[in-house]
Amino acid sequence: MEIDWSDPGVYVAAAGALIGVAVGIGVPIFMVRRDRFDEERLEQIRALNKATFEATGEYLTKDEIEKIRPPRWMDTREFRDDD
């Protein structure tokens, strides 16, 4: 099978394939890194909340926590069994 490199459609298809592979690999890597960073941030907030409770006897309010870490879309979802 020969590829006619003089056809502009071949260049478009090759560029689309390269971009598709880059996005298909890059996006999941980015999402995993964001999840790891978010998990580390949650651990820091838990430690801060515990230290605040030990120092003042009160936990951080929901508004204070949202200023430190805005809620993600998965945080506000309700998981219900509708069976």
PDB file of N, CA and C in Angstrom:
ATOM      1  N   MET A   1       0.852  -1.171   0.000  1.00  0.00           N
ATOM      2  CA  MET A   1       0.000   0.000   0.000  1.00  0.00           C
ATOM      3  C   MET A   1       0.901   1.239   0.000  1.00  0.00           C
ATOM      4  N   GLU A   2       0.655   2.121  -0.888  1.00  0.00           N
ATOM      5  CA  GLU A   2       1.429   3.347  -0.977  1.00  0.00           C
ATOM      6  C   GLU A   2       0.584   4.521  -0.499  1.00  0.00           C
ATOM      7  N   ILE A   3       1.246   5.456   0.145  1.00  0.00           N
ATOM      8  CA  ILE A   3       0.567   6.667   0.619  1.00  0.00           C
ATOM      9  C   ILE A   3       0.980   7.810  -0.289  1.00  0.00           C
ATOM     10  N   ASP A   4       0.008   8.506  -0.799  1.00  0.00           N
ATOM     11  CA  ASP A   4       0.262   9.651  -1.674  1.00  0.00           C
ATOM     12  C   ASP A   4       0.444  10.894  -0.804  1.00  0.00           C
ATOM     13  N   TRP A   5       1.684  11.235  -0.500  1.00  0.00           N
ATOM     14  CA  TRP A   5       1.989  12.356   0.388  1.00  0.00           C
ATOM     15  C   TRP A   5       1.735  13.706  -0.271  1.00  0.00           C
ATOM     16  N   SER A   6       1.408  13.721  -1.537  1.00  0.00           N
ATOM     17  CA  SER A   6       1.093  14.994  -2.186  1.00  0.00           C
ATOM     18  C   SER A   6      -0.350  15.418  -1.912  1.00  0.00           C
ATOM     19  N   ASP A   7      -1.147  14.517  -1.404  1.00  0.00           N
ATOM     20  CA  ASP A   7      -2.549  14.814  -1.092  1.00  0.00           C
ATOM     21  C   ASP A   7      -2.623  15.496   0.269  1.00  0.00           C
ATOM     22  N   PRO A   8      -3.224  16.702   0.354  1.00  0.00           N
ATOM     23  CA  PRO A   8      -3.314  17.402   1.651  1.00  0.00           C
ATOM     24  C   PRO A   8      -4.148  16.634   2.680  1.00  0.00           C
ATOM     25  N   GLY A   9      -5.066  15.812   2.248  1.00  0.00           N
ATOM     26  CA  GLY A   9      -5.877  15.024   3.177  1.00  0.00           C
ATOM     27  C   GLY A   9      -5.046  14.040   3.975  1.00  0.00           C
ATOM     28  N   VAL A  10      -3.952  13.574   3.411  1.00  0.00           N
ATOM     29  CA  VAL A  10      -3.064  12.653   4.128  1.00  0.00           C
ATOM     30  C   VAL A  10      -2.407  13.381   5.296  1.00  0.00           C
ATOM     31  N   TYR A  11      -2.009  14.624   5.066  1.00  0.00           N
ATOM     32  CA  TYR A  11      -1.392  15.414   6.135  1.00  0.00           C
ATOM     33  C   TYR A  11      -2.401  15.701   7.249  1.00  0.00           C
ATOM     34  N   VAL A  12      -3.617  15.993   6.872  1.00  0.00           N
ATOM     35  CA  VAL A  12      -4.663  16.250   7.868  1.00  0.00           C
ATOM     36  C   VAL A  12      -4.927  14.983   8.684  1.00  0.00           C
ATOM     37  N   ALA A  13      -5.004  13.854   8.024  1.00  0.00           N
ATOM     38  CA  ALA A  13      -5.249  12.594   8.729  1.00  0.00           C
ATOM     39  C   ALA A  13      -4.083  12.245   9.642  1.00  0.00           C
ATOM     40  N   ALA A  14      -2.852  12.451   9.184  1.00  0.00           N
ATOM     41  CA  ALA A  14      -1.684  12.164  10.017  1.00  0.00           C
ATOM     42  C   ALA A  14      -1.638  13.084  11.225  1.00  0.00           C
ATOM     43  N   ALA A  15      -1.930  14.374  11.012  1.00  0.00           N
ATOM     44  CA  ALA A  15      -1.943  15.324  12.132  1.00  0.00           C
ATOM     45  C   ALA A  15      -3.056  14.963  13.116  1.00  0.00           C
ATOM     46  N   GLY A  16      -4.218  14.601  12.614  1.00  0.00           N
ATOM     47  CA  GLY A  16      -5.323  14.200  13.488  1.00  0.00           C
ATOM     48  C   GLY A  16      -4.984  12.972  14.301  1.00  0.00           C
ATOM     49  N   ALA A  17      -4.292  12.018  13.671  1.00  0.00           N
ATOM     50  CA  ALA A  17      -3.893  10.806  14.401  1.00  0.00           C
ATOM     51  C   ALA A  17      -2.900  11.137  15.497  1.00  0.00           C
ATOM     52  N   LEU A  18      -1.930  11.992  15.198  1.00  0.00           N
ATOM     53  CA  LEU A  18      -0.939  12.369  16.212  1.00  0.00           C
ATOM     54  C   LEU A  18      -1.571  13.139  17.366  1.00  0.00           C
ATOM     55  N   ILE A  19      -2.449  14.061  17.032  1.00  0.00           N
ATOM     56  CA  ILE A  19      -3.136  14.818  18.083  1.00  0.00           C
ATOM     57  C   ILE A  19      -4.025  13.895  18.907  1.00  0.00           C
ATOM     58  N   GLY A  20      -4.697  12.966  18.268  1.00  0.00           N
ATOM     59  CA  GLY A  20      -5.550  12.018  18.984  1.00  0.00           C
ATOM     60  C   GLY A  20      -4.768  11.163  19.957  1.00  0.00           C
ATOM     61  N   VAL A  21      -3.611  10.687  19.527  1.00  0.00           N
ATOM     62  CA  VAL A  21      -2.769   9.878  20.420  1.00  0.00           C
ATOM     63  C   VAL A  21      -2.270  10.734  21.588  1.00  0.00           C
ATOM     64  N   ALA A  22      -1.832  11.966  21.286  1.00  0.00           N
ATOM     65  CA  ALA A  22      -1.331  12.844  22.351  1.00  0.00           C
ATOM     66  C   ALA A  22      -2.417  13.160  23.383  1.00  0.00           C
ATOM     67  N   VAL A  23      -3.617  13.460  22.914  1.00  0.00           N
ATOM     68  CA  VAL A  23      -4.723  13.768  23.831  1.00  0.00           C
ATOM     69  C   VAL A  23      -5.159  12.513  24.576  1.00  0.00           C
ATOM     70  N   GLY A  24      -5.202  11.388  23.880  1.00  0.00           N
ATOM     71  CA  GLY A  24      -5.622  10.135  24.506  1.00  0.00           C
ATOM     72  C   GLY A  24      -4.689   9.676  25.614  1.00  0.00           C
ATOM     73  N   ILE A  25      -3.434  10.047  25.531  1.00  0.00           N
ATOM     74  CA  ILE A  25      -2.479   9.705  26.581  1.00  0.00           C
ATOM     75  C   ILE A  25      -2.361  10.832  27.601  1.00  0.00           C
ATOM     76  N   GLY A  26      -2.369  12.075  27.129  1.00  0.00           N
ATOM     77  CA  GLY A  26      -2.145  13.227  27.994  1.00  0.00           C
ATOM     78  C   GLY A  26      -3.266  13.518  28.975  1.00  0.00           C
ATOM     79  N   VAL A  27      -4.498  13.424  28.534  1.00  0.00           N
ATOM     80  CA  VAL A  27      -5.630  13.759  29.400  1.00  0.00           C
ATOM     81  C   VAL A  27      -5.734  12.811  30.596  1.00  0.00           C
ATOM     82  N   PRO A  28      -5.660  11.494  30.415  1.00  0.00           N
ATOM     83  CA  PRO A  28      -5.710  10.630  31.601  1.00  0.00           C
ATOM     84  C   PRO A  28      -4.548  10.868  32.574  1.00  0.00           C
ATOM     85  N   ILE A  29      -3.362  11.130  32.046  1.00  0.00           N
ATOM     86  CA  ILE A  29      -2.224  11.426  32.924  1.00  0.00           C
ATOM     87  C   ILE A  29      -2.496  12.700  33.717  1.00  0.00           C
ATOM     88  N   PHE A  30      -3.031  13.724  33.046  1.00  0.00           N
ATOM     89  CA  PHE A  30      -3.370  14.975  33.723  1.00  0.00           C
ATOM     90  C   PHE A  30      -4.409  14.752  34.814  1.00  0.00           C
ATOM     91  N   MET A  31      -5.438  13.962  34.520  1.00  0.00           N
ATOM     92  CA  MET A  31      -6.498  13.728  35.498  1.00  0.00           C
ATOM     93  C   MET A  31      -5.986  12.952  36.710  1.00  0.00           C
ATOM     94  N   VAL A  32      -5.122  11.981  36.495  1.00  0.00           N
ATOM     95  CA  VAL A  32      -4.549  11.222  37.613  1.00  0.00           C
ATOM     96  C   VAL A  32      -3.712  12.137  38.493  1.00  0.00           C
ATOM     97  N   ARG A  33      -2.932  13.011  37.882  1.00  0.00           N
ATOM     98  CA  ARG A  33      -2.120  13.957  38.670  1.00  0.00           C
ATOM     99  C   ARG A  33      -3.000  14.899  39.469  1.00  0.00           C
ATOM    100  N   ARG A  34      -4.083  15.390  38.870  1.00  0.00           N
ATOM    101  CA  ARG A  34      -5.000  16.281  39.595  1.00  0.00           C
ATOM    102  C   ARG A  34      -5.649  15.552  40.772  1.00  0.00           C
ATOM    103  N   ASP A  35      -6.035  14.297  40.568  1.00  0.00           N
ATOM    104  CA  ASP A  35      -6.637  13.527  41.652  1.00  0.00           C
ATOM    105  C   ASP A  35      -5.648  13.318  42.793  1.00  0.00           C
ATOM    106  N   ARG A  36      -4.400  13.020  42.473  1.00  0.00           N
ATOM    107  CA  ARG A  36      -3.379  12.849  43.515  1.00  0.00           C
ATOM    108  C   ARG A  36      -3.158  14.148  44.270  1.00  0.00           C
ATOM    109  N   PHE A  37      -3.069  15.266  43.549  1.00  0.00           N
ATOM    110  CA  PHE A  37      -2.885  16.563  44.183  1.00  0.00           C
ATOM    111  C   PHE A  37      -4.073  16.878  45.095  1.00  0.00           C
ATOM    112  N   ASP A  38      -5.278  16.593  44.615  1.00  0.00           N
ATOM    113  CA  ASP A  38      -6.473  16.867  45.401  1.00  0.00           C
ATOM    114  C   ASP A  38      -6.508  16.007  46.663  1.00  0.00           C
ATOM    115  N   GLU A  39      -6.099  14.761  46.555  1.00  0.00           N
ATOM    116  CA  GLU A  39      -6.073  13.880  47.728  1.00  0.00           C
ATOM    117  C   GLU A  39      -5.062  14.388  48.762  1.00  0.00           C
ATOM    118  N   GLU A  40      -3.907  14.858  48.292  1.00  0.00           N
ATOM    119  CA  GLU A  40      -2.921  15.439  49.208  1.00  0.00           C
ATOM    120  C   GLU A  40      -3.484  16.688  49.879  1.00  0.00           C
ATOM    121  N   ARG A  41      -4.180  17.508  49.100  1.00  0.00           N
ATOM    122  CA  ARG A  41      -4.771  18.733  49.651  1.00  0.00           C
ATOM    123  C   ARG A  41      -5.839  18.389  50.684  1.00  0.00           C
ATOM    124  N   LEU A  42      -6.635  17.368  50.440  1.00  0.00           N
ATOM    125  CA  LEU A  42      -7.639  16.959  51.416  1.00  0.00           C
ATOM    126  C   LEU A  42      -6.991  16.497  52.721  1.00  0.00           C
ATOM    127  N   GLU A  43      -5.883  15.779  52.622  1.00  0.00           N
ATOM    128  CA  GLU A  43      -5.173  15.346  53.828  1.00  0.00           C
ATOM    129  C   GLU A  43      -4.668  16.551  54.618  1.00  0.00           C
ATOM    130  N   GLN A  44      -4.180  17.566  53.919  1.00  0.00           N
ATOM    131  CA  GLN A  44      -3.720  18.782  54.590  1.00  0.00           C
ATOM    132  C   GLN A  44      -4.873  19.498  55.283  1.00  0.00           C
ATOM    133  N   ILE A  45      -6.021  19.546  54.625  1.00  0.00           N
ATOM    134  CA  ILE A  45      -7.185  20.200  55.221  1.00  0.00           C
ATOM    135  C   ILE A  45      -7.669  19.421  56.432  1.00  0.00           C
ATOM    136  N   ARG A  46      -7.652  18.086  56.355  1.00  0.00           N
ATOM    137  CA  ARG A  46      -8.045  17.275  57.511  1.00  0.00           C
ATOM    138  C   ARG A  46      -7.119  17.530  58.696  1.00  0.00           C
ATOM    139  N   ALA A  47      -5.814  17.615  58.415  1.00  0.00           N
ATOM    140  CA  ALA A  47      -4.851  17.883  59.487  1.00  0.00           C
ATOM    141  C   ALA A  47      -5.073  19.273  60.073  1.00  0.00           C
ATOM    142  N   LEU A  48      -5.330  20.259  59.213  1.00  0.00           N
ATOM    143  CA  LEU A  48      -5.610  21.616  59.684  1.00  0.00           C
ATOM    144  C   LEU A  48      -6.891  21.649  60.506  1.00  0.00           C
ATOM    145  N   ASN A  49      -7.905  20.933  60.064  1.00  0.00           N
ATOM    146  CA  ASN A  49      -9.173  20.885  60.783  1.00  0.00           C
ATOM    147  C   ASN A  49      -8.991  20.250  62.161  1.00  0.00           C
ATOM    148  N   LYS A  50      -8.193  19.193  62.225  1.00  0.00           N
ATOM    149  CA  LYS A  50      -7.925  18.542  63.505  1.00  0.00           C
ATOM    150  C   LYS A  50      -7.149  19.473  64.429  1.00  0.00           C
ATOM    151  N   ALA A  51      -6.136  20.157  63.885  1.00  0.00           N
ATOM    152  CA  ALA A  51      -5.347  21.089  64.698  1.00  0.00           C
ATOM    153  C   ALA A  51      -6.205  22.257  65.184  1.00  0.00           C
ATOM    154  N   THR A  52      -7.103  22.736  64.332  1.00  0.00           N
ATOM    155  CA  THR A  52      -8.004  23.825  64.714  1.00  0.00           C
ATOM    156  C   THR A  52      -8.925  23.375  65.837  1.00  0.00           C
ATOM    157  N   PHE A  53      -9.429  22.141  65.751  1.00  0.00           N
ATOM    158  CA  PHE A  53     -10.309  21.630  66.803  1.00  0.00           C
ATOM    159  C   PHE A  53      -9.559  21.498  68.122  1.00  0.00           C
ATOM    160  N   GLU A  54      -8.315  21.011  68.067  1.00  0.00           N
ATOM    161  CA  GLU A  54      -7.533  20.861  69.290  1.00  0.00           C
ATOM    162  C   GLU A  54      -7.194  22.213  69.910  1.00  0.00           C
ATOM    163  N   ALA A  55      -6.988  23.240  69.068  1.00  0.00           N
ATOM    164  CA  ALA A  55      -6.618  24.558  69.578  1.00  0.00           C
ATOM    165  C   ALA A  55      -7.820  25.355  70.059  1.00  0.00           C
ATOM    166  N   THR A  56      -8.929  25.292  69.339  1.00  0.00           N
ATOM    167  CA  THR A  56     -10.071  26.155  69.661  1.00  0.00           C
ATOM    168  C   THR A  56     -11.290  25.398  70.162  1.00  0.00           C
ATOM    169  N   GLY A  57     -11.353  24.108  69.938  1.00  0.00           N
ATOM    170  CA  GLY A  57     -12.526  23.341  70.329  1.00  0.00           C
ATOM    171  C   GLY A  57     -13.619  23.363  69.278  1.00  0.00           C
ATOM    172  N   GLU A  58     -13.364  23.997  68.142  1.00  0.00           N
ATOM    173  CA  GLU A  58     -14.342  24.056  67.057  1.00  0.00           C
ATOM    174  C   GLU A  58     -13.674  23.636  65.756  1.00  0.00           C
ATOM    175  N   TYR A  59     -14.465  23.009  64.893  1.00  0.00           N
ATOM    176  CA  TYR A  59     -13.966  22.629  63.580  1.00  0.00           C
ATOM    177  C   TYR A  59     -14.075  23.814  62.632  1.00  0.00           C
ATOM    178  N   LEU A  60     -13.389  23.729  61.495  1.00  0.00           N
ATOM    179  CA  LEU A  60     -13.524  24.739  60.454  1.00  0.00           C
ATOM    180  C   LEU A  60     -14.942  24.705  59.903  1.00  0.00           C
ATOM    181  N   THR A  61     -15.455  25.867  59.543  1.00  0.00           N
ATOM    182  CA  THR A  61     -16.794  25.909  58.963  1.00  0.00           C
ATOM    183  C   THR A  61     -16.725  25.473  57.503  1.00  0.00           C
ATOM    184  N   LYS A  62     -17.887  25.167  56.956  1.00  0.00           N
ATOM    185  CA  LYS A  62     -17.952  24.748  55.549  1.00  0.00           C
ATOM    186  C   LYS A  62     -17.450  25.864  54.637  1.00  0.00           C
ATOM    187  N   ASP A  63     -17.759  27.108  54.963  1.00  0.00           N
ATOM    188  CA  ASP A  63     -17.300  28.240  54.151  1.00  0.00           C
ATOM    189  C   ASP A  63     -15.780  28.374  54.190  1.00  0.00           C
ATOM    190  N   GLU A  64     -15.174  28.173  55.347  1.00  0.00           N
ATOM    191  CA  GLU A  64     -13.714  28.250  55.456  1.00  0.00           C
ATOM    192  C   GLU A  64     -13.048  27.145  54.633  1.00  0.00           C
ATOM    193  N   ILE A  65     -13.618  25.968  54.678  1.00  0.00           N
ATOM    194  CA  ILE A  65     -13.064  24.859  53.891  1.00  0.00           C
ATOM    195  C   ILE A  65     -13.222  25.124  52.401  1.00  0.00           C
ATOM    196  N   GLU A  66     -14.361  25.687  51.979  1.00  0.00           N
ATOM    197  CA  GLU A  66     -14.574  25.988  50.561  1.00  0.00           C
ATOM    198  C   GLU A  66     -13.630  27.076  50.069  1.00  0.00           C
ATOM    199  N   LYS A  67     -13.188  27.984  50.950  1.00  0.00           N
ATOM    200  CA  LYS A  67     -12.214  28.995  50.551  1.00  0.00           C
ATOM    201  C   LYS A  67     -10.848  28.357  50.308  1.00  0.00           C
ATOM    202  N   ILE A  68     -10.531  27.340  51.095  1.00  0.00           N
ATOM    203  CA  ILE A  68      -9.252  26.643  50.943  1.00  0.00           C
ATOM    204  C   ILE A  68      -9.297  25.727  49.719  1.00  0.00           C
ATOM    205  N   ARG A  69     -10.382  24.991  49.571  1.00  0.00           N
ATOM    206  CA  ARG A  69     -10.528  24.027  48.472  1.00  0.00           C
ATOM    207  C   ARG A  69     -11.961  24.098  47.951  1.00  0.00           C
ATOM    208  N   PRO A  70     -12.147  24.734  46.788  1.00  0.00           N
ATOM    209  CA  PRO A  70     -13.497  24.773  46.219  1.00  0.00           C
ATOM    210  C   PRO A  70     -13.979  23.357  45.908  1.00  0.00           C
ATOM    211  N   PRO A  71     -15.270  23.093  46.079  1.00  0.00           N
ATOM    212  CA  PRO A  71     -15.778  21.744  45.813  1.00  0.00           C
ATOM    213  C   PRO A  71     -15.658  21.381  44.340  1.00  0.00           C
ATOM    214  N   ARG A  72     -15.347  20.129  44.088  1.00  0.00           N
ATOM    215  CA  ARG A  72     -15.291  19.616  42.730  1.00  0.00           C
ATOM    216  C   ARG A  72     -16.662  19.084  42.368  1.00  0.00           C
ATOM    217  N   TRP A  73     -16.891  18.824  41.077  1.00  0.00           N
ATOM    218  CA  TRP A  73     -18.230  18.416  40.651  1.00  0.00           C
ATOM    219  C   TRP A  73     -18.638  17.090  41.265  1.00  0.00           C
ATOM    220  N   MET A  74     -17.692  16.211  41.572  1.00  0.00           N
ATOM    221  CA  MET A  74     -18.042  14.927  42.193  1.00  0.00           C
ATOM    222  C   MET A  74     -18.412  15.093  43.673  1.00  0.00           C
ATOM    223  N   ASP A  75     -17.994  16.187  44.292  1.00  0.00           N
ATOM    224  CA  ASP A  75     -18.298  16.405  45.698  1.00  0.00           C
ATOM    225  C   ASP A  75     -19.773  16.702  45.931  1.00  0.00           C
ATOM    226  N   THR A  76     -20.450  17.260  44.945  1.00  0.00           N
ATOM    227  CA  THR A  76     -21.833  17.688  45.125  1.00  0.00           C
ATOM    228  C   THR A  76     -22.850  16.688  44.592  1.00  0.00           C
ATOM    229  N   ARG A  77     -22.380  15.608  43.991  1.00  0.00           N
ATOM    230  CA  ARG A  77     -23.312  14.623  43.437  1.00  0.00           C
ATOM    231  C   ARG A  77     -23.909  13.771  44.545  1.00  0.00           C
ATOM    232  N   GLU A  78     -25.165  13.383  44.340  1.00  0.00           N
ATOM    233  CA  GLU A  78     -25.841  12.486  45.265  1.00  0.00           C
ATOM    234  C   GLU A  78     -25.877  11.112  44.649  1.00  0.00           C
ATOM    235  N   PHE A  79     -25.373  10.134  45.359  1.00  0.00           N
ATOM    236  CA  PHE A  79     -25.398   8.774  44.863  1.00  0.00           C
ATOM    237  C   PHE A  79     -26.511   8.017  45.569  1.00  0.00           C
ATOM    238  N   ARG A  80     -27.556   7.704  44.806  1.00  0.00           N
ATOM    239  CA  ARG A  80     -28.705   7.015  45.371  1.00  0.00           C
ATOM    240  C   ARG A  80     -28.958   5.745  44.585  1.00  0.00           C
ATOM    241  N   ASP A  81     -29.480   4.771  45.262  1.00  0.00           N
ATOM    242  CA  ASP A  81     -29.879   3.520  44.620  1.00  0.00           C
ATOM    243  C   ASP A  81     -31.344   3.640  44.259  1.00  0.00           C
ATOM    244  N   ASP A  82     -31.636   3.731  42.974  1.00  0.00           N
ATOM    245  CA  ASP A  82     -33.010   3.928  42.514  1.00  0.00           C
ATOM    246  C   ASP A  82     -33.700   2.634  42.120  1.00  0.00           C
ATOM    247  N   ASP A  83     -33.155   1.523  42.539  1.00  0.00           N
ATOM    248  CA  ASP A  83     -33.774   0.233  42.175  1.00  0.00           C
ATOM    249  C   ASP A  83     -35.083   0.032  42.886  1.00  0.00           C
TER     250      ASP A  83
END
